[in-house]
Amino acid sequence: MTRLLSPPGVVELTLAADGSPAFVSGALSGPIDPIARWKVETEWWNRLVVREYWKVLVGSNLLCELYHDLDRDQWFVERIYD
């Protein structure tokens, strides 16, 4: 089952030397193992949206989807996979 968080929860991330997420705190907490990364750029509509999405494993057992809002320089958890 997948849970879409609406609104997405704000989280704080510590990044690894290569810029990938390494540790999350806030709505979730724990070490991160990045699995996939993609970028979304769209004008949803008339408000530019630029996000970098990451599918990650938090604490070796919780699959989540995080995104970095590049315009606001803020991280969010948007989806949790059970």
N, C-alpha and C. Protein backbone atom coordinates (compact mmCIF):
# COMPACT_ATOMS: atom_id res chain seq x y z
N MET A 1 0.84 -1.17 0.00
CA MET A 1 0.00 0.00 0.00
C MET A 1 0.89 1.24 0.00
N THR A 2 0.46 2.27 -0.69
CA THR A 2 1.19 3.52 -0.77
C THR A 2 0.39 4.63 -0.10
N ARG A 3 1.05 5.42 0.73
CA ARG A 3 0.39 6.58 1.34
C ARG A 3 0.98 7.85 0.76
N LEU A 4 0.13 8.66 0.14
CA LEU A 4 0.52 9.96 -0.37
C LEU A 4 0.22 10.97 0.72
N LEU A 5 1.22 11.70 1.17
CA LEU A 5 1.04 12.68 2.24
C LEU A 5 0.60 14.01 1.63
N SER A 6 -0.53 14.49 2.07
CA SER A 6 -1.06 15.75 1.55
C SER A 6 -1.50 16.61 2.71
N PRO A 7 -0.78 17.65 3.02
CA PRO A 7 0.40 18.14 2.31
C PRO A 7 1.63 17.32 2.68
N PRO A 8 2.66 17.38 1.83
CA PRO A 8 3.91 16.69 2.14
C PRO A 8 4.51 17.21 3.45
N GLY A 9 5.22 16.33 4.17
CA GLY A 9 5.84 16.72 5.44
C GLY A 9 7.23 17.28 5.25
N VAL A 10 7.52 18.37 5.93
CA VAL A 10 8.85 18.97 5.88
C VAL A 10 9.82 18.09 6.65
N VAL A 11 10.99 17.85 6.07
CA VAL A 11 12.05 17.09 6.74
C VAL A 11 13.36 17.83 6.56
N GLU A 12 14.31 17.52 7.43
CA GLU A 12 15.66 18.07 7.30
C GLU A 12 16.59 16.95 6.89
N LEU A 13 17.45 17.24 5.93
CA LEU A 13 18.37 16.23 5.43
C LEU A 13 19.82 16.63 5.64
N THR A 14 20.63 15.62 5.92
CA THR A 14 22.07 15.75 5.89
C THR A 14 22.50 15.08 4.60
N LEU A 15 23.31 15.78 3.81
CA LEU A 15 23.73 15.25 2.52
C LEU A 15 25.11 14.62 2.61
N ALA A 16 25.34 13.60 1.79
CA ALA A 16 26.65 12.97 1.67
C ALA A 16 27.55 13.89 0.84
N ALA A 17 28.82 13.57 0.76
CA ALA A 17 29.79 14.37 0.01
C ALA A 17 29.41 14.50 -1.47
N ASP A 18 28.74 13.50 -2.03
CA ASP A 18 28.35 13.55 -3.44
C ASP A 18 27.02 14.27 -3.66
N GLY A 19 26.41 14.80 -2.59
CA GLY A 19 25.15 15.53 -2.70
C GLY A 19 23.91 14.69 -2.55
N SER A 20 24.05 13.39 -2.37
CA SER A 20 22.89 12.52 -2.17
C SER A 20 22.46 12.57 -0.71
N PRO A 21 21.16 12.33 -0.44
CA PRO A 21 20.68 12.32 0.95
C PRO A 21 21.36 11.21 1.75
N ALA A 22 21.77 11.52 2.98
CA ALA A 22 22.44 10.55 3.83
C ALA A 22 21.68 10.27 5.13
N PHE A 23 21.01 11.29 5.67
CA PHE A 23 20.29 11.13 6.94
C PHE A 23 19.11 12.09 6.93
N VAL A 24 17.97 11.63 7.44
CA VAL A 24 16.77 12.46 7.48
C VAL A 24 16.32 12.63 8.93
N SER A 25 15.79 13.81 9.24
CA SER A 25 15.17 14.04 10.54
C SER A 25 13.96 14.94 10.33
N GLY A 26 13.02 14.84 11.24
CA GLY A 26 11.76 15.57 11.11
C GLY A 26 10.62 14.58 11.14
N ALA A 27 9.73 14.62 10.14
CA ALA A 27 8.59 13.69 10.08
C ALA A 27 9.06 12.24 10.05
N LEU A 28 10.25 12.00 9.48
CA LEU A 28 10.92 10.69 9.48
C LEU A 28 12.29 10.90 10.09
N SER A 29 12.91 9.81 10.51
CA SER A 29 14.25 9.95 11.06
C SER A 29 15.04 8.68 10.82
N GLY A 30 16.30 8.84 10.38
CA GLY A 30 17.18 7.70 10.22
C GLY A 30 18.13 7.85 9.04
N PRO A 31 19.06 6.89 8.94
CA PRO A 31 19.98 6.90 7.81
C PRO A 31 19.24 6.58 6.51
N ILE A 32 19.76 7.10 5.40
CA ILE A 32 19.10 6.95 4.10
C ILE A 32 19.99 6.16 3.15
N ASP A 33 19.36 5.24 2.42
CA ASP A 33 20.01 4.54 1.32
C ASP A 33 19.28 4.95 0.04
N PRO A 34 19.86 5.86 -0.77
CA PRO A 34 19.19 6.31 -2.00
C PRO A 34 19.05 5.18 -3.01
N ILE A 35 17.89 5.11 -3.67
CA ILE A 35 17.62 4.08 -4.66
C ILE A 35 17.49 4.66 -6.06
N ALA A 36 16.76 5.77 -6.20
CA ALA A 36 16.55 6.38 -7.52
C ALA A 36 16.44 7.89 -7.37
N ARG A 37 16.72 8.58 -8.47
CA ARG A 37 16.68 10.05 -8.48
C ARG A 37 16.15 10.53 -9.82
N TRP A 38 15.28 11.55 -9.80
CA TRP A 38 14.79 12.17 -11.03
C TRP A 38 14.40 13.61 -10.75
N LYS A 39 14.35 14.41 -11.80
CA LYS A 39 14.06 15.83 -11.67
C LYS A 39 12.79 16.16 -12.44
N VAL A 40 11.95 17.03 -11.85
CA VAL A 40 10.71 17.48 -12.47
C VAL A 40 10.77 19.00 -12.61
N GLU A 41 10.53 19.47 -13.81
CA GLU A 41 10.43 20.91 -14.08
C GLU A 41 9.15 21.13 -14.86
N THR A 42 8.23 21.89 -14.30
CA THR A 42 6.95 22.16 -14.95
C THR A 42 6.43 23.52 -14.50
N GLU A 43 5.52 24.05 -15.26
CA GLU A 43 4.88 25.32 -14.90
C GLU A 43 3.48 25.00 -14.44
N TRP A 44 3.31 24.50 -13.30
CA TRP A 44 1.99 24.02 -12.89
C TRP A 44 1.15 25.19 -12.43
N TRP A 45 0.36 25.47 -13.24
CA TRP A 45 0.30 26.40 -14.34
C TRP A 45 0.39 27.79 -13.82
N ASN A 46 1.43 28.45 -14.28
CA ASN A 46 1.82 29.81 -13.95
C ASN A 46 2.62 29.90 -12.65
N ARG A 47 2.89 28.81 -12.04
CA ARG A 47 3.81 28.81 -10.89
C ARG A 47 4.85 27.73 -11.15
N LEU A 48 6.05 28.16 -11.49
CA LEU A 48 7.12 27.23 -11.84
C LEU A 48 7.38 26.25 -10.70
N VAL A 49 7.46 24.98 -11.03
CA VAL A 49 7.77 23.93 -10.06
C VAL A 49 9.04 23.23 -10.52
N VAL A 50 10.07 23.28 -9.70
CA VAL A 50 11.33 22.59 -9.99
C VAL A 50 11.68 21.76 -8.76
N ARG A 51 11.63 20.45 -8.92
CA ARG A 51 11.89 19.54 -7.80
C ARG A 51 12.83 18.43 -8.22
N GLU A 52 13.65 18.00 -7.27
CA GLU A 52 14.49 16.83 -7.44
C GLU A 52 13.93 15.76 -6.51
N TYR A 53 13.45 14.67 -7.09
CA TYR A 53 12.85 13.58 -6.33
C TYR A 53 13.87 12.48 -6.05
N TRP A 54 13.71 11.85 -4.91
CA TRP A 54 14.55 10.71 -4.52
C TRP A 54 13.65 9.62 -3.96
N LYS A 55 13.82 8.41 -4.43
CA LYS A 55 13.21 7.24 -3.79
C LYS A 55 14.31 6.69 -2.89
N VAL A 56 14.01 6.54 -1.60
CA VAL A 56 15.03 6.17 -0.62
C VAL A 56 14.50 5.11 0.34
N LEU A 57 15.43 4.42 0.92
CA LEU A 57 15.14 3.48 2.00
C LEU A 57 15.62 4.15 3.29
N VAL A 58 14.71 4.36 4.23
CA VAL A 58 15.04 5.02 5.50
C VAL A 58 15.18 3.94 6.57
N GLY A 59 16.32 3.95 7.26
CA GLY A 59 16.55 3.00 8.34
C GLY A 59 16.49 1.56 7.90
N SER A 60 16.82 1.27 6.66
CA SER A 60 16.88 -0.09 6.09
C SER A 60 15.54 -0.79 5.97
N ASN A 61 14.40 -0.08 6.26
CA ASN A 61 13.14 -0.82 6.19
C ASN A 61 11.93 -0.01 5.74
N LEU A 62 12.08 1.27 5.49
CA LEU A 62 10.93 2.08 5.10
C LEU A 62 11.21 2.77 3.77
N LEU A 63 10.47 2.39 2.73
CA LEU A 63 10.64 2.96 1.41
C LEU A 63 9.83 4.24 1.31
N CYS A 64 10.48 5.34 0.92
CA CYS A 64 9.83 6.65 0.87
C CYS A 64 10.22 7.39 -0.40
N GLU A 65 9.43 8.40 -0.70
CA GLU A 65 9.75 9.31 -1.78
C GLU A 65 9.91 10.70 -1.18
N LEU A 66 11.10 11.25 -1.34
CA LEU A 66 11.41 12.59 -0.85
C LEU A 66 11.58 13.51 -2.05
N TYR A 67 11.37 14.80 -1.84
CA TYR A 67 11.75 15.74 -2.89
C TYR A 67 12.36 16.99 -2.30
N HIS A 68 13.23 17.59 -3.10
CA HIS A 68 13.89 18.84 -2.76
C HIS A 68 13.27 19.91 -3.63
N ASP A 69 12.55 20.85 -3.02
CA ASP A 69 11.98 21.98 -3.75
C ASP A 69 13.13 22.95 -3.99
N LEU A 70 13.62 22.98 -5.22
CA LEU A 70 14.81 23.76 -5.53
C LEU A 70 14.56 25.26 -5.46
N ASP A 71 13.32 25.68 -5.69
CA ASP A 71 12.98 27.10 -5.61
C ASP A 71 13.05 27.60 -4.17
N ARG A 72 12.55 26.80 -3.23
CA ARG A 72 12.53 27.19 -1.81
C ARG A 72 13.69 26.62 -1.01
N ASP A 73 14.48 25.72 -1.65
CA ASP A 73 15.58 25.02 -0.99
C ASP A 73 15.10 24.35 0.30
N GLN A 74 14.03 23.53 0.14
CA GLN A 74 13.43 22.83 1.28
C GLN A 74 13.13 21.39 0.87
N TRP A 75 13.27 20.47 1.82
CA TRP A 75 13.04 19.04 1.59
C TRP A 75 11.71 18.61 2.18
N PHE A 76 11.06 17.64 1.50
CA PHE A 76 9.75 17.12 1.92
C PHE A 76 9.70 15.61 1.73
N VAL A 77 8.89 14.95 2.56
CA VAL A 77 8.53 13.55 2.31
C VAL A 77 7.12 13.61 1.72
N GLU A 78 6.94 12.95 0.56
CA GLU A 78 5.66 13.01 -0.13
C GLU A 78 4.91 11.68 -0.15
N ARG A 79 5.64 10.59 -0.14
CA ARG A 79 5.01 9.28 -0.28
C ARG A 79 5.75 8.26 0.58
N ILE A 80 4.97 7.38 1.21
CA ILE A 80 5.51 6.28 2.01
C ILE A 80 4.92 4.99 1.47
N TYR A 81 5.79 4.03 1.19
CA TYR A 81 5.38 2.73 0.67
C TYR A 81 5.38 1.72 1.83
N ASP A 82 4.25 1.08 2.07
CA ASP A 82 4.15 0.08 3.14
C ASP A 82 4.52 -1.29 2.63
